[in-house]
PDB file of all heavy atoms in Angstrom:
ATOM      1  N   GLU A   1       0.815  -1.228   0.031  1.00  0.00           N
ATOM      2  CA  GLU A   1       0.009  -0.042   0.034  1.00  0.00           C
ATOM      3  C   GLU A   1       0.832   1.264  -0.042  1.00  0.00           C
ATOM      4  O   GLU A   1       0.289   2.402  -0.084  1.00  0.00           O
ATOM      5  CB  GLU A   1      -0.879   0.026   1.233  1.00  0.00           C
ATOM      6  CG  GLU A   1      -0.216   0.202   2.558  1.00  0.00           C
ATOM      7  CD  GLU A   1       0.549  -0.963   3.029  1.00  0.00           C
ATOM      8  OE1 GLU A   1       0.467  -2.081   2.424  1.00  0.00           O
ATOM      9  OE2 GLU A   1       1.217  -0.915   4.067  1.00  0.00           O
ATOM     10  N   VAL A   2       2.184   1.147   0.049  1.00  0.00           N
ATOM     11  CA  VAL A   2       3.012   2.369   0.283  1.00  0.00           C
ATOM     12  C   VAL A   2       3.195   3.044  -1.186  1.00  0.00           C
ATOM     13  O   VAL A   2       3.017   2.357  -2.261  1.00  0.00           O
ATOM     14  CB  VAL A   2       4.400   2.038   0.787  1.00  0.00           C
ATOM     15  CG1 VAL A   2       4.292   1.404   2.173  1.00  0.00           C
ATOM     16  CG2 VAL A   2       5.197   1.180  -0.108  1.00  0.00           C
ATOM     17  N   GLU A   3       3.493   4.287  -1.144  1.00  0.00           N
ATOM     18  CA  GLU A   3       3.651   5.072  -2.417  1.00  0.00           C
ATOM     19  C   GLU A   3       4.991   4.656  -3.035  1.00  0.00           C
ATOM     20  O   GLU A   3       6.008   4.637  -2.395  1.00  0.00           O
ATOM     21  CB  GLU A   3       3.611   6.584  -2.030  1.00  0.00           C
ATOM     22  CG  GLU A   3       3.797   7.453  -3.323  1.00  0.00           C
ATOM     23  CD  GLU A   3       3.748   8.896  -2.994  1.00  0.00           C
ATOM     24  OE1 GLU A   3       3.492   9.200  -1.759  1.00  0.00           O
ATOM     25  OE2 GLU A   3       3.973   9.733  -3.837  1.00  0.00           O
ATOM     26  N   ILE A   4       4.951   4.443  -4.301  1.00  0.00           N
ATOM     27  CA  ILE A   4       6.094   3.964  -5.075  1.00  0.00           C
ATOM     28  C   ILE A   4       6.841   5.209  -5.567  1.00  0.00           C
ATOM     29  O   ILE A   4       6.252   6.209  -6.001  1.00  0.00           O
ATOM     30  CB  ILE A   4       5.714   3.142  -6.267  1.00  0.00           C
ATOM     31  CG1 ILE A   4       5.046   1.837  -5.868  1.00  0.00           C
ATOM     32  CG2 ILE A   4       6.951   2.851  -7.181  1.00  0.00           C
ATOM     33  CD1 ILE A   4       5.884   0.997  -4.970  1.00  0.00           C
ATOM     34  N   ASP A   5       8.151   5.299  -5.379  1.00  0.00           N
ATOM     35  CA  ASP A   5       8.998   6.393  -5.703  1.00  0.00           C
ATOM     36  C   ASP A   5      10.280   5.969  -6.412  1.00  0.00           C
ATOM     37  O   ASP A   5      11.343   5.865  -5.888  1.00  0.00           O
ATOM     38  CB  ASP A   5       9.343   7.252  -4.480  1.00  0.00           C
ATOM     39  CG  ASP A   5      10.062   8.548  -4.789  1.00  0.00           C
ATOM     40  OD1 ASP A   5      10.262   8.880  -5.979  1.00  0.00           O
ATOM     41  OD2 ASP A   5      10.492   9.277  -3.865  1.00  0.00           O
ATOM     42  N   LEU A   6      10.080   5.615  -7.752  1.00  0.00           N
ATOM     43  CA  LEU A   6      11.159   5.083  -8.523  1.00  0.00           C
ATOM     44  C   LEU A   6      12.316   6.100  -8.677  1.00  0.00           C
ATOM     45  O   LEU A   6      13.504   5.791  -8.762  1.00  0.00           O
ATOM     46  CB  LEU A   6      10.690   4.702  -9.852  1.00  0.00           C
ATOM     47  CG  LEU A   6      10.030   3.219  -9.968  1.00  0.00           C
ATOM     48  CD1 LEU A   6       9.381   3.074 -11.334  1.00  0.00           C
ATOM     49  CD2 LEU A   6      11.126   2.209  -9.731  1.00  0.00           C
ATOM     50  N   ALA A   7      11.961   7.406  -8.578  1.00  0.00           N
ATOM     51  CA  ALA A   7      12.990   8.421  -8.693  1.00  0.00           C
ATOM     52  C   ALA A   7      14.022   8.357  -7.510  1.00  0.00           C
ATOM     53  O   ALA A   7      15.156   8.601  -7.680  1.00  0.00           O
ATOM     54  CB  ALA A   7      12.284   9.780  -8.753  1.00  0.00           C
ATOM     55  N   LYS A   8      13.453   7.993  -6.342  1.00  0.00           N
ATOM     56  CA  LYS A   8      14.355   7.851  -5.150  1.00  0.00           C
ATOM     57  C   LYS A   8      15.267   6.706  -5.379  1.00  0.00           C
ATOM     58  O   LYS A   8      16.553   6.744  -5.048  1.00  0.00           O
ATOM     59  CB  LYS A   8      13.457   7.741  -3.883  1.00  0.00           C
ATOM     60  CG  LYS A   8      14.303   7.513  -2.626  1.00  0.00           C
ATOM     61  CD  LYS A   8      15.199   8.711  -2.332  1.00  0.00           C
ATOM     62  CE  LYS A   8      14.282   9.956  -1.994  1.00  0.00           C
ATOM     63  NZ  LYS A   8      13.560   9.903  -0.808  1.00  0.00           N
ATOM     64  N   ALA A   9      14.816   5.581  -5.873  1.00  0.00           N
ATOM     65  CA  ALA A   9      15.693   4.410  -6.154  1.00  0.00           C
ATOM     66  C   ALA A   9      16.791   4.744  -7.075  1.00  0.00           C
ATOM     67  O   ALA A   9      17.953   4.432  -6.991  1.00  0.00           O
ATOM     68  CB  ALA A   9      14.830   3.234  -6.608  1.00  0.00           C
ATOM     69  N   ARG A  10      16.433   5.462  -8.215  1.00  0.00           N
ATOM     70  CA  ARG A  10      17.400   5.865  -9.215  1.00  0.00           C
ATOM     71  C   ARG A  10      18.395   6.847  -8.624  1.00  0.00           C
ATOM     72  O   ARG A  10      19.617   6.795  -9.051  1.00  0.00           O
ATOM     73  CB  ARG A  10      16.675   6.488 -10.421  1.00  0.00           C
ATOM     74  CG  ARG A  10      15.743   5.437 -11.185  1.00  0.00           C
ATOM     75  CD  ARG A  10      15.249   5.977 -12.456  1.00  0.00           C
ATOM     76  NE  ARG A  10      14.319   5.139 -13.125  1.00  0.00           N
ATOM     77  CZ  ARG A  10      12.984   5.307 -13.114  1.00  0.00           C
ATOM     78  NH1 ARG A  10      12.491   6.364 -12.500  1.00  0.00           N
ATOM     79  NH2 ARG A  10      12.207   4.470 -13.793  1.00  0.00           N
ATOM     80  N   LYS A  11      17.978   7.636  -7.785  1.00  0.00           N
ATOM     81  CA  LYS A  11      18.884   8.609  -7.083  1.00  0.00           C
ATOM     82  C   LYS A  11      19.925   7.904  -6.313  1.00  0.00           C
ATOM     83  O   LYS A  11      21.095   8.242  -6.354  1.00  0.00           O
ATOM     84  CB  LYS A  11      18.034   9.520  -6.230  1.00  0.00           C
ATOM     85  CG  LYS A  11      18.858  10.478  -5.330  1.00  0.00           C
ATOM     86  CD  LYS A  11      17.998  11.318  -4.482  1.00  0.00           C
ATOM     87  CE  LYS A  11      18.851  12.202  -3.473  1.00  0.00           C
ATOM     88  NZ  LYS A  11      17.892  12.888  -2.528  1.00  0.00           N
ATOM     89  N   TYR A  12      19.450   6.868  -5.514  1.00  0.00           N
ATOM     90  CA  TYR A  12      20.483   6.099  -4.726  1.00  0.00           C
ATOM     91  C   TYR A  12      21.423   5.381  -5.712  1.00  0.00           C
ATOM     92  O   TYR A  12      22.626   5.278  -5.382  1.00  0.00           O
ATOM     93  CB  TYR A  12      19.635   5.092  -3.952  1.00  0.00           C
ATOM     94  CG  TYR A  12      19.014   5.657  -2.756  1.00  0.00           C
ATOM     95  CD1 TYR A  12      18.030   4.849  -1.990  1.00  0.00           C
ATOM     96  CD2 TYR A  12      19.124   6.956  -2.343  1.00  0.00           C
ATOM     97  CE1 TYR A  12      17.303   5.365  -0.918  1.00  0.00           C
ATOM     98  CE2 TYR A  12      18.509   7.487  -1.259  1.00  0.00           C
ATOM     99  CZ  TYR A  12      17.547   6.718  -0.540  1.00  0.00           C
ATOM    100  OH  TYR A  12      16.895   7.242   0.501  1.00  0.00           O
ATOM    101  N   VAL A  13      20.962   4.837  -6.792  1.00  0.00           N
ATOM    102  CA  VAL A  13      21.933   4.146  -7.695  1.00  0.00           C
ATOM    103  C   VAL A  13      22.878   5.175  -8.261  1.00  0.00           C
ATOM    104  O   VAL A  13      24.083   4.886  -8.400  1.00  0.00           O
ATOM    105  CB  VAL A  13      21.064   3.536  -8.872  1.00  0.00           C
ATOM    106  CG1 VAL A  13      22.093   2.993  -9.945  1.00  0.00           C
ATOM    107  CG2 VAL A  13      20.251   2.335  -8.359  1.00  0.00           C
ATOM    108  N   ALA A  14      22.397   6.356  -8.587  1.00  0.00           N
ATOM    109  CA  ALA A  14      23.321   7.410  -9.176  1.00  0.00           C
ATOM    110  C   ALA A  14      24.411   7.802  -8.148  1.00  0.00           C
ATOM    111  O   ALA A  14      25.549   8.012  -8.509  1.00  0.00           O
ATOM    112  CB  ALA A  14      22.531   8.601  -9.588  1.00  0.00           C
ATOM    113  N   LEU A  15      23.936   7.950  -6.882  1.00  0.00           N
ATOM    114  CA  LEU A  15      24.976   8.288  -5.831  1.00  0.00           C
ATOM    115  C   LEU A  15      26.030   7.279  -5.696  1.00  0.00           C
ATOM    116  O   LEU A  15      27.215   7.495  -5.517  1.00  0.00           O
ATOM    117  CB  LEU A  15      24.194   8.535  -4.478  1.00  0.00           C
ATOM    118  CG  LEU A  15      23.394   9.814  -4.304  1.00  0.00           C
ATOM    119  CD1 LEU A  15      22.626   9.694  -3.076  1.00  0.00           C
ATOM    120  CD2 LEU A  15      24.292  10.933  -4.388  1.00  0.00           C
ATOM    121  N   GLY A  16      25.596   5.953  -5.779  1.00  0.00           N
ATOM    122  CA  GLY A  16      26.582   4.848  -5.625  1.00  0.00           C
ATOM    123  C   GLY A  16      27.503   4.862  -6.904  1.00  0.00           C
ATOM    124  O   GLY A  16      28.755   4.623  -6.710  1.00  0.00           O
ATOM    125  N   LEU A  17      26.934   5.116  -8.057  1.00  0.00           N
ATOM    126  CA  LEU A  17      27.813   5.081  -9.305  1.00  0.00           C
ATOM    127  C   LEU A  17      28.858   6.259  -9.238  1.00  0.00           C
ATOM    128  O   LEU A  17      30.003   6.066  -9.542  1.00  0.00           O
ATOM    129  CB  LEU A  17      27.029   5.197 -10.501  1.00  0.00           C
ATOM    130  CG  LEU A  17      26.122   3.987 -10.843  1.00  0.00           C
ATOM    131  CD1 LEU A  17      25.243   4.222 -12.002  1.00  0.00           C
ATOM    132  CD2 LEU A  17      27.035   2.754 -11.083  1.00  0.00           C
ATOM    133  N   ILE A  18      28.380   7.435  -8.731  1.00  0.00           N
ATOM    134  CA  ILE A  18      29.290   8.574  -8.606  1.00  0.00           C
ATOM    135  C   ILE A  18      30.400   8.307  -7.691  1.00  0.00           C
ATOM    136  O   ILE A  18      31.616   8.621  -7.917  1.00  0.00           O
ATOM    137  CB  ILE A  18      28.490   9.886  -8.219  1.00  0.00           C
ATOM    138  CG1 ILE A  18      27.641  10.310  -9.307  1.00  0.00           C
ATOM    139  CG2 ILE A  18      29.425  10.964  -7.805  1.00  0.00           C
ATOM    140  CD1 ILE A  18      26.611  11.375  -8.901  1.00  0.00           C
ATOM    141  N   SER A  19      30.071   7.660  -6.604  1.00  0.00           N
ATOM    142  CA  SER A  19      31.091   7.293  -5.552  1.00  0.00           C
ATOM    143  C   SER A  19      32.096   6.223  -6.165  1.00  0.00           C
ATOM    144  O   SER A  19      33.258   6.415  -5.897  1.00  0.00           O
ATOM    145  CB  SER A  19      30.431   6.706  -4.349  1.00  0.00           C
ATOM    146  OG  SER A  19      31.376   6.442  -3.322  1.00  0.00           O
ATOM    147  N   TYR A  20      31.524   5.292  -6.923  1.00  0.00           N
ATOM    148  CA  TYR A  20      32.391   4.157  -7.332  1.00  0.00           C
ATOM    149  C   TYR A  20      33.306   4.608  -8.425  1.00  0.00           C
ATOM    150  O   TYR A  20      34.509   4.289  -8.439  1.00  0.00           O
ATOM    151  CB  TYR A  20      31.508   3.018  -7.844  1.00  0.00           C
ATOM    152  CG  TYR A  20      32.298   1.802  -8.297  1.00  0.00           C
ATOM    153  CD1 TYR A  20      32.786   0.915  -7.457  1.00  0.00           C
ATOM    154  CD2 TYR A  20      32.413   1.605  -9.667  1.00  0.00           C
ATOM    155  CE1 TYR A  20      33.484  -0.151  -7.919  1.00  0.00           C
ATOM    156  CE2 TYR A  20      33.099   0.448 -10.143  1.00  0.00           C
ATOM    157  CZ  TYR A  20      33.633  -0.472  -9.231  1.00  0.00           C
ATOM    158  OH  TYR A  20      34.352  -1.562  -9.673  1.00  0.00           O
ATOM    159  N   PHE A  21      32.808   5.387  -9.366  1.00  0.00           N
ATOM    160  CA  PHE A  21      33.665   5.759 -10.509  1.00  0.00           C
ATOM    161  C   PHE A  21      34.469   7.102 -10.371  1.00  0.00           C
ATOM    162  O   PHE A  21      35.462   7.252 -11.016  1.00  0.00           O
ATOM    163  CB  PHE A  21      32.768   5.938 -11.792  1.00  0.00           C
ATOM    164  CG  PHE A  21      32.226   4.598 -12.341  1.00  0.00           C
ATOM    165  CD1 PHE A  21      30.969   4.170 -12.177  1.00  0.00           C
ATOM    166  CD2 PHE A  21      33.127   3.798 -13.035  1.00  0.00           C
ATOM    167  CE1 PHE A  21      30.514   2.954 -12.655  1.00  0.00           C
ATOM    168  CE2 PHE A  21      32.744   2.556 -13.532  1.00  0.00           C
ATOM    169  CZ  PHE A  21      31.460   2.101 -13.301  1.00  0.00           C
ATOM    170  N   ILE A  22      33.977   7.991  -9.516  1.00  0.00           N
ATOM    171  CA  ILE A  22      34.613   9.276  -9.334  1.00  0.00           C
ATOM    172  C   ILE A  22      35.239   9.497  -7.966  1.00  0.00           C
ATOM    173  O   ILE A  22      36.437   9.868  -7.848  1.00  0.00           O
ATOM    174  CB  ILE A  22      33.589  10.399  -9.583  1.00  0.00           C
ATOM    175  CG1 ILE A  22      32.945  10.267 -11.005  1.00  0.00           C
ATOM    176  CG2 ILE A  22      34.213  11.736  -9.319  1.00  0.00           C
ATOM    177  CD1 ILE A  22      31.930  11.309 -11.336  1.00  0.00           C
ATOM    178  N   LEU A  23      34.510   9.206  -6.875  1.00  0.00           N
ATOM    179  CA  LEU A  23      35.033   9.511  -5.527  1.00  0.00           C
ATOM    180  C   LEU A  23      36.060   8.513  -5.120  1.00  0.00           C
ATOM    181  O   LEU A  23      37.066   8.910  -4.524  1.00  0.00           O
ATOM    182  CB  LEU A  23      33.878   9.605  -4.527  1.00  0.00           C
ATOM    183  CG  LEU A  23      32.831  10.684  -4.807  1.00  0.00           C
ATOM    184  CD1 LEU A  23      31.819  10.733  -3.670  1.00  0.00           C
ATOM    185  CD2 LEU A  23      33.557  12.076  -4.839  1.00  0.00           C
ATOM    186  N   ALA A  24      35.770   7.166  -5.326  1.00  0.00           N
ATOM    187  CA  ALA A  24      36.722   6.150  -4.870  1.00  0.00           C
ATOM    188  C   ALA A  24      38.075   6.315  -5.440  1.00  0.00           C
ATOM    189  O   ALA A  24      39.107   6.201  -4.682  1.00  0.00           O
ATOM    190  CB  ALA A  24      36.111   4.777  -5.226  1.00  0.00           C
ATOM    191  N   PRO A  25      38.288   6.554  -6.749  1.00  0.00           N
ATOM    192  CA  PRO A  25      39.639   6.719  -7.243  1.00  0.00           C
ATOM    193  C   PRO A  25      40.283   8.093  -6.999  1.00  0.00           C
ATOM    194  O   PRO A  25      41.450   8.267  -7.314  1.00  0.00           O
ATOM    195  CB  PRO A  25      39.418   6.536  -8.795  1.00  0.00           C
ATOM    196  CG  PRO A  25      38.013   6.648  -9.114  1.00  0.00           C
ATOM    197  CD  PRO A  25      37.237   6.604  -7.879  1.00  0.00           C
ATOM    198  N   THR A  26      39.534   9.017  -6.445  1.00  0.00           N
ATOM    199  CA  THR A  26      40.091  10.334  -6.066  1.00  0.00           C
ATOM    200  C   THR A  26      40.181  10.564  -4.616  1.00  0.00           C
ATOM    201  O   THR A  26      41.188  10.355  -3.968  1.00  0.00           O
ATOM    202  CB  THR A  26      39.260  11.411  -6.852  1.00  0.00           C
ATOM    203  OG1 THR A  26      37.902  11.278  -6.437  1.00  0.00           O
ATOM    204  CG2 THR A  26      39.436  11.359  -8.328  1.00  0.00           C
ATOM    205  N   VAL A  27      39.000  10.865  -4.044  1.00  0.00           N
ATOM    206  CA  VAL A  27      38.873  11.177  -2.543  1.00  0.00           C
ATOM    207  C   VAL A  27      39.183   9.863  -1.835  1.00  0.00           C
ATOM    208  O   VAL A  27      39.906   9.965  -0.764  1.00  0.00           O
ATOM    209  CB  VAL A  27      37.462  11.650  -2.224  1.00  0.00           C
ATOM    210  CG1 VAL A  27      37.325  11.767  -0.690  1.00  0.00           C
ATOM    211  CG2 VAL A  27      37.171  12.942  -2.966  1.00  0.00           C
ATOM    212  N   GLY A  28      38.838   8.743  -2.385  1.00  0.00           N
ATOM    213  CA  GLY A  28      39.063   7.462  -1.659  1.00  0.00           C
ATOM    214  C   GLY A  28      40.575   7.120  -1.471  1.00  0.00           C
ATOM    215  O   GLY A  28      40.900   6.212  -0.676  1.00  0.00           O
TER     216      GLY A  28
END
């Protein structure tokens, strides 16, 4: 019965990809 928010799920994926491909090899 909860409200579906696919945009939030995609936002989380995008944050993870940014961290993996950009932050990990630099800031990491």
